[in-house]
């Protein structure tokens, strides 16, 4: 009898192993429309085995999501990046026949995604902004203050950062993407963000730290962010974020963006014990072990979109 039992268990294990993944994968993250990931400043889709959204695509695909990672200029204005993203969105929709997509943008990827939803709402089901610079960053304001346009310090910084953006673009296989770090800083400053918001106000809160409209022109808006600049002693980039967080004084922030500035549409939460890089599971998964894993947040958001029929 025991032999028969073990034979059945072995047969079941073998049949499970040879079934295609779609036969046994769950549907927790199976959104109606594909999910499109949009990176932030100095970002990329992947450089070798290192993804900007580290492990996010595979975590979402594991339970049914269709996921696409886009690549726009590592450094340029929101509008330029937005037009680059729009072309890719059109390509994804053409290939999948989905009609619409769900945009998830991190940092400068938040406003970049918002641009596409604003100019072509018919192509976008939702925008999720993660640590998004929706009302500017005091770090960008600080840089503009110490290195004003026309100064020698500005010329040096722009030259170095444009070079860095070009290298990132090359290593990640990007082609024909013009880099302009001055335009990027302008867009990410408080003044630049307010100017952008005047032209593309969808989902932006009307109060200083409130929520924005949950849905505009058929597009649903969401956001979440962290509020702990230093989270893991083994992450070599955490000290840098602890330093940049000083620009915010006592204002709650993730090291590069204040919690209030990250608000867009329905605010899921703005005080996770994460810094700006933890929000996308960087650096290579070295995040706060005492907080919800970032991959879990992405999975929960996919499930939220699925339950809304998106």
Protein backbone atom coordinates (compact mmCIF):
# COMPACT_ATOMS: atom_id res chain seq x y z
CA UNK A 1 0.00 0.00 0.00
CA UNK A 2 2.86 2.35 0.84
CA UNK A 3 4.52 1.50 -2.47
CA UNK A 4 1.35 2.46 -4.34
CA UNK A 5 1.11 5.70 -2.43
CA UNK A 6 4.68 6.70 -3.22
CA UNK A 7 4.19 5.77 -6.88
CA UNK A 8 1.22 8.15 -7.06
CA UNK A 9 3.18 10.94 -5.36
CA UNK A 10 6.10 10.43 -7.75
CA UNK A 11 3.78 10.45 -10.77
CA UNK A 12 2.12 13.66 -9.57
CA UNK A 13 5.50 15.34 -9.01
CA UNK A 14 6.68 14.31 -12.46
CA UNK A 15 3.52 15.54 -14.20
CA UNK A 16 3.78 18.88 -12.38
CA UNK A 17 7.40 19.27 -13.40
CA UNK A 18 6.73 18.76 -17.10
CA UNK A 19 3.61 20.94 -17.30
CA UNK A 20 4.15 24.37 -18.88
CA UNK A 21 4.40 27.21 -16.36
CA UNK A 22 1.07 28.67 -17.46
CA UNK A 23 -0.64 25.45 -16.45
CA UNK A 24 0.17 25.78 -12.76
CA UNK A 25 1.02 29.46 -12.24
CA UNK A 26 -1.43 31.46 -10.14
CA UNK A 27 -3.48 34.44 -11.27
CA UNK A 28 -2.81 36.81 -8.36
CA UNK A 29 -1.02 39.34 -10.59
CA UNK A 30 -2.88 38.61 -13.83
CA UNK A 31 -4.00 42.13 -14.77
CA UNK A 32 -6.29 42.66 -17.73
CA UNK A 33 -3.80 45.01 -19.38
CA UNK A 34 0.00 44.55 -19.57
CA UNK A 35 2.17 46.21 -16.94
CA UNK A 36 4.83 48.58 -18.28
CA UNK A 37 7.71 49.59 -15.99
CA UNK A 38 9.31 53.05 -16.37
CA UNK A 39 12.70 53.82 -14.77
CA UNK A 40 13.83 57.05 -13.17
CA UNK A 41 16.81 59.38 -13.49
CA UNK A 42 20.05 57.59 -14.49
CA UNK A 43 17.95 54.46 -14.88
CA UNK A 44 17.90 51.65 -17.42
CA UNK A 45 16.02 48.48 -18.25
CA UNK A 46 18.90 46.17 -17.40
CA UNK A 47 22.70 46.16 -17.48
CA UNK A 48 23.69 42.54 -17.82
CA UNK A 49 21.99 40.57 -15.03
CA UNK A 50 21.16 43.70 -13.02
CA UNK A 51 17.68 45.07 -13.58
CA UNK A 52 16.68 48.57 -12.52
CA UNK A 53 13.43 47.07 -11.18
CA UNK A 54 15.41 44.26 -9.56
CA UNK A 55 13.45 41.02 -9.67
CA UNK A 56 10.15 42.84 -10.22
CA UNK A 57 9.31 41.47 -13.67
CA UNK A 58 9.83 37.84 -12.68
CA UNK A 59 7.88 38.33 -9.43
CA UNK A 60 4.91 39.73 -11.36
CA UNK A 61 5.08 37.19 -14.18
CA UNK A 62 5.15 34.30 -11.72
CA UNK A 63 1.44 34.73 -11.06
CA UNK A 64 0.14 35.75 -14.45
CA UNK A 65 1.14 39.32 -15.27
CA UNK A 66 2.40 40.37 -18.67
CA UNK A 67 5.29 42.74 -17.97
CA UNK A 68 7.34 45.00 -20.23
CA UNK A 69 10.32 47.10 -19.14
CA UNK A 70 10.92 50.25 -21.14
CA UNK A 71 14.04 52.35 -21.58
CA UNK A 72 13.97 56.10 -21.98
CA UNK A 73 16.78 58.64 -21.70
CA UNK A 74 18.75 58.19 -18.48
CA UNK A 75 18.70 61.98 -18.15
CA UNK A 76 16.44 64.40 -19.97
CA UNK A 77 13.31 66.47 -19.48
CA UNK A 78 10.02 64.86 -18.52
CA UNK A 79 8.50 65.79 -21.86
CA UNK A 80 11.35 64.26 -23.91
CA UNK A 81 11.30 61.08 -21.83
CA UNK A 82 7.51 61.05 -22.08
CA UNK A 83 7.56 61.13 -25.88
CA UNK A 84 10.13 58.31 -25.91
CA UNK A 85 7.91 56.27 -23.60
CA UNK A 86 4.82 56.98 -25.70
CA UNK A 87 6.44 55.42 -28.76
CA UNK A 88 7.23 52.28 -26.80
CA UNK A 89 3.73 52.12 -25.36
CA UNK A 90 2.31 52.22 -28.88
CA UNK A 91 4.64 49.37 -29.87
CA UNK A 92 3.66 47.26 -26.87
CA UNK A 93 -0.04 47.77 -27.58
CA UNK A 94 0.49 46.89 -31.24
CA UNK A 95 2.33 43.68 -30.36
CA UNK A 96 -0.07 42.55 -27.62
CA UNK A 97 -3.32 43.87 -29.08
CA UNK A 98 -4.21 44.88 -25.51
CA UNK A 99 -5.64 48.31 -26.35
CA UNK A 100 -4.26 49.79 -23.11
CA UNK A 101 -1.45 49.32 -20.60
CA UNK A 102 -0.80 49.87 -16.89
CA UNK A 103 2.15 52.21 -16.31
CA UNK A 104 4.29 51.87 -13.18
CA UNK A 105 6.98 54.55 -12.89
CA UNK A 106 9.67 55.08 -10.27
CA UNK A 107 11.17 58.48 -9.39
CA UNK A 108 11.37 60.52 -12.63
CA UNK A 109 9.51 57.61 -14.19
CA UNK A 110 6.40 58.79 -12.34
CA UNK A 111 6.05 62.13 -14.18
CA UNK A 112 7.23 60.41 -17.37
CA UNK A 113 4.34 57.96 -17.13
CA UNK A 114 1.97 60.81 -16.24
CA UNK A 115 2.93 62.60 -19.45
CA UNK A 116 1.82 59.64 -21.56
CA UNK A 117 -1.44 59.29 -19.63
CA UNK A 118 -2.10 63.01 -20.05
CA UNK A 119 -1.53 63.22 -23.80
CA UNK A 120 -2.93 59.78 -24.68
CA UNK A 121 -5.35 58.68 -21.95
CA UNK A 122 -6.98 56.31 -24.43
CA UNK A 123 -3.85 54.13 -24.28
CA UNK A 124 -3.47 54.03 -20.49
CA UNK A 125 -5.56 52.13 -17.94
CA UNK A 126 -3.62 53.26 -14.86
CA UNK A 127 -0.55 55.11 -13.63
CA UNK A 128 1.25 54.05 -10.46
CA UNK A 129 3.91 56.43 -9.18
CA UNK A 130 6.53 54.99 -6.81
CA UNK A 131 8.68 57.58 -5.07
CA UNK A 132 7.60 59.87 -7.88
CA UNK A 133 8.86 63.43 -8.16
CA UNK A 134 5.38 64.87 -8.55
CA UNK A 135 5.99 68.18 -6.78
CA UNK A 136 9.73 68.50 -7.26
CA UNK A 137 12.73 67.47 -5.19
CA UNK A 138 14.69 69.67 -2.81
CA UNK A 139 17.82 67.82 -3.91
CA UNK A 140 17.31 69.18 -7.45
CA UNK A 141 16.61 72.63 -5.98
CA UNK A 142 19.86 72.42 -4.00
CA UNK A 143 21.89 71.46 -7.07
CA UNK A 144 20.44 74.36 -9.05
CA UNK A 145 21.29 76.68 -6.18
CA UNK A 146 24.95 75.70 -5.86
CA UNK A 147 25.52 75.32 -9.61
CA UNK A 148 23.33 77.86 -11.42
CA UNK A 149 23.09 77.76 -15.19
CA UNK A 150 25.99 79.63 -16.79
CA UNK A 151 28.43 79.01 -13.93
CA UNK A 152 31.63 76.99 -14.22
CA UNK A 153 30.44 74.55 -11.57
CA UNK A 154 27.28 73.96 -13.58
CA UNK A 155 29.25 73.30 -16.76
CA UNK A 156 31.44 70.76 -14.96
CA UNK A 157 28.51 68.96 -13.29
CA UNK A 158 26.48 68.85 -16.51
CA UNK A 159 29.44 67.47 -18.44
CA UNK A 160 30.05 64.72 -15.89
CA UNK A 161 26.41 63.74 -15.52
CA UNK A 162 25.78 63.74 -19.27
CA UNK A 163 28.78 61.44 -19.60
CA UNK A 164 27.40 59.15 -16.91
CA UNK A 165 23.99 59.04 -18.58
CA UNK A 166 25.62 58.22 -21.91
CA UNK A 167 27.61 55.36 -20.35
CA UNK A 168 24.47 53.97 -18.69
CA UNK A 169 22.62 54.19 -21.99
CA UNK A 170 25.46 52.37 -23.80
CA UNK A 171 25.82 49.60 -21.22
CA UNK A 172 22.09 48.94 -21.24
CA UNK A 173 21.94 48.73 -25.02
CA UNK A 174 20.05 51.97 -25.57
CA UNK A 175 20.31 53.62 -28.98
CA UNK A 176 19.58 57.15 -30.13
CA UNK A 177 18.52 58.47 -26.73
CA UNK A 178 19.79 62.02 -26.26
CA UNK A 179 21.03 62.80 -22.74
CA UNK A 180 20.53 66.22 -21.14
CA UNK A 181 21.10 66.25 -17.39
CA UNK A 182 20.42 70.00 -17.11
CA UNK A 183 16.96 69.46 -18.60
CA UNK A 184 16.44 66.57 -16.16
CA UNK A 185 17.31 68.68 -13.11
CA UNK A 186 15.09 71.48 -14.37
CA UNK A 187 12.17 69.04 -14.66
CA UNK A 188 12.81 67.58 -11.20
CA UNK A 189 13.09 70.94 -9.44
CA UNK A 190 10.13 72.39 -7.59
CA UNK A 191 9.66 75.13 -10.20
CA UNK A 192 9.97 72.68 -13.09
CA UNK A 193 7.51 70.25 -11.53
CA UNK A 194 4.94 72.98 -10.90
CA UNK A 195 5.24 74.08 -14.54
CA UNK A 196 4.78 70.49 -15.70
CA UNK A 197 1.80 70.00 -13.37
CA UNK A 198 0.09 73.08 -14.80
CA UNK A 199 0.13 71.41 -18.22
CA UNK A 200 -0.50 67.86 -16.95
CA UNK A 201 -2.47 68.08 -13.69
CA UNK A 202 -4.14 64.66 -13.78
CA UNK A 203 -3.97 62.92 -10.40
CA UNK A 204 -1.89 65.64 -8.73
CA UNK A 205 -3.21 66.70 -5.28
CA UNK A 206 -4.57 70.21 -5.05
CA UNK A 207 -3.45 70.48 -1.41
CA UNK A 208 0.19 70.39 -0.29
CA UNK A 209 0.11 66.85 1.06
CA UNK A 210 -3.25 65.37 0.16
CA UNK A 211 -4.50 62.90 -2.38
CA UNK A 212 -5.27 63.61 -6.01
CA UNK A 213 -8.19 62.48 -8.13
CA UNK A 214 -8.38 58.70 -8.19
CA UNK A 215 -9.45 58.65 -11.82
CA UNK A 216 -9.16 61.21 -14.64
CA UNK A 217 -10.14 60.67 -18.28
CA UNK A 218 -10.58 56.97 -17.60
CA UNK A 219 -7.07 56.58 -16.12
CA UNK A 220 -6.70 55.40 -12.51
CA UNK A 221 -3.91 57.00 -10.43
CA UNK A 222 -2.00 55.50 -7.48
CA UNK A 223 1.19 56.18 -5.52
CA UNK A 224 3.37 54.91 -2.72
CA UNK A 225 6.81 55.79 -1.33
CA UNK A 226 9.33 55.19 1.43
CA UNK A 227 10.45 57.49 4.22
CA UNK A 228 13.68 56.03 5.62
CA UNK A 229 16.88 57.11 3.80
CA UNK A 230 19.25 54.64 5.51
CA UNK A 231 18.01 51.05 5.75
CA UNK A 232 20.79 48.51 5.16
CA UNK A 233 24.41 48.73 6.35
CA UNK A 234 25.51 46.42 3.52
CA UNK A 235 24.17 48.69 0.77
CA UNK A 236 27.03 50.94 -0.38
CA UNK A 237 24.58 53.55 -1.71
CA UNK A 238 22.66 54.06 1.54
CA UNK A 239 25.18 56.58 2.98
CA UNK A 240 24.72 58.75 -0.13
CA UNK A 241 20.96 58.76 0.36
CA UNK A 242 21.41 59.59 4.03
CA UNK A 243 23.48 62.58 2.92
CA UNK A 244 21.02 63.82 0.28
CA UNK A 245 18.19 63.46 2.80
CA UNK A 246 19.68 66.41 4.70
CA UNK A 247 18.28 68.70 1.99
CA UNK A 248 14.80 68.03 3.39
CA UNK A 249 15.49 69.04 6.98
CA UNK A 250 12.85 67.41 9.17
CA UNK A 251 10.50 66.70 6.27
CA UNK A 252 9.69 63.02 5.77
CA UNK A 253 11.57 61.68 2.74
CA UNK A 254 13.19 58.66 1.09
CA UNK A 255 16.54 60.34 0.51
CA UNK A 256 15.65 61.99 -2.80
CA UNK A 257 11.91 62.74 -2.72
CA UNK A 258 9.72 64.00 0.12
CA UNK A 259 6.71 61.91 1.06
CA UNK A 260 4.31 64.73 0.19
CA UNK A 261 5.91 65.26 -3.22
CA UNK A 262 5.41 61.57 -4.01
CA UNK A 263 1.61 61.81 -3.65
CA UNK A 264 -0.46 61.09 -6.75
CA UNK A 265 -4.06 59.93 -6.99
CA UNK A 266 -4.84 57.30 -4.36
CA UNK A 267 -1.97 57.27 -1.87
CA UNK A 268 -1.47 53.67 -0.80
CA UNK A 269 1.17 54.64 1.75
CA UNK A 270 3.96 57.22 1.99
CA UNK A 271 5.96 56.02 4.97
CA UNK A 272 7.36 52.59 4.23
CA UNK A 273 10.71 52.05 5.96
CA UNK A 274 12.42 52.19 2.57
CA UNK A 275 14.73 54.59 0.80
CA UNK A 276 14.53 55.71 -2.82
CA UNK A 277 16.37 52.65 -4.12
CA UNK A 278 14.67 50.14 -1.82
CA UNK A 279 11.43 51.07 -3.56
CA UNK A 280 12.62 49.15 -6.65
CA UNK A 281 14.45 46.42 -4.69
CA UNK A 282 17.88 48.00 -5.18
CA UNK A 283 20.80 47.70 -4.64
CA UNK A 284 20.42 44.08 -5.92
CA UNK A 285 17.92 43.26 -3.22
CA UNK A 286 19.80 44.80 -0.26
CA UNK A 287 16.75 46.40 1.34
CA UNK A 288 15.30 46.80 4.82
CA UNK A 289 14.74 43.29 6.18
CA UNK A 290 12.35 44.66 8.80
CA UNK A 291 9.95 46.15 6.24
CA UNK A 292 7.60 44.59 3.68
CA UNK A 293 9.64 43.34 0.73
CA UNK A 294 9.35 45.71 -2.26
CA UNK A 295 8.46 42.79 -4.53
CA UNK A 296 5.43 42.16 -2.34
CA UNK A 297 4.27 45.75 -2.88
CA UNK A 298 4.51 45.36 -6.65
CA UNK A 299 2.56 42.10 -6.47
CA UNK A 300 -0.10 43.70 -4.27
CA UNK A 301 -0.46 46.58 -6.71
CA UNK A 302 -0.86 44.20 -9.63
CA UNK A 303 -3.55 42.37 -7.69
CA UNK A 304 -5.22 45.71 -6.88
CA UNK A 305 -5.31 46.57 -10.58
CA UNK A 306 -6.61 43.11 -11.44
CA UNK A 307 -9.46 43.42 -8.95
CA UNK A 308 -10.39 46.79 -10.50
CA UNK A 309 -10.62 45.15 -13.91
CA UNK A 310 -7.43 46.84 -15.09
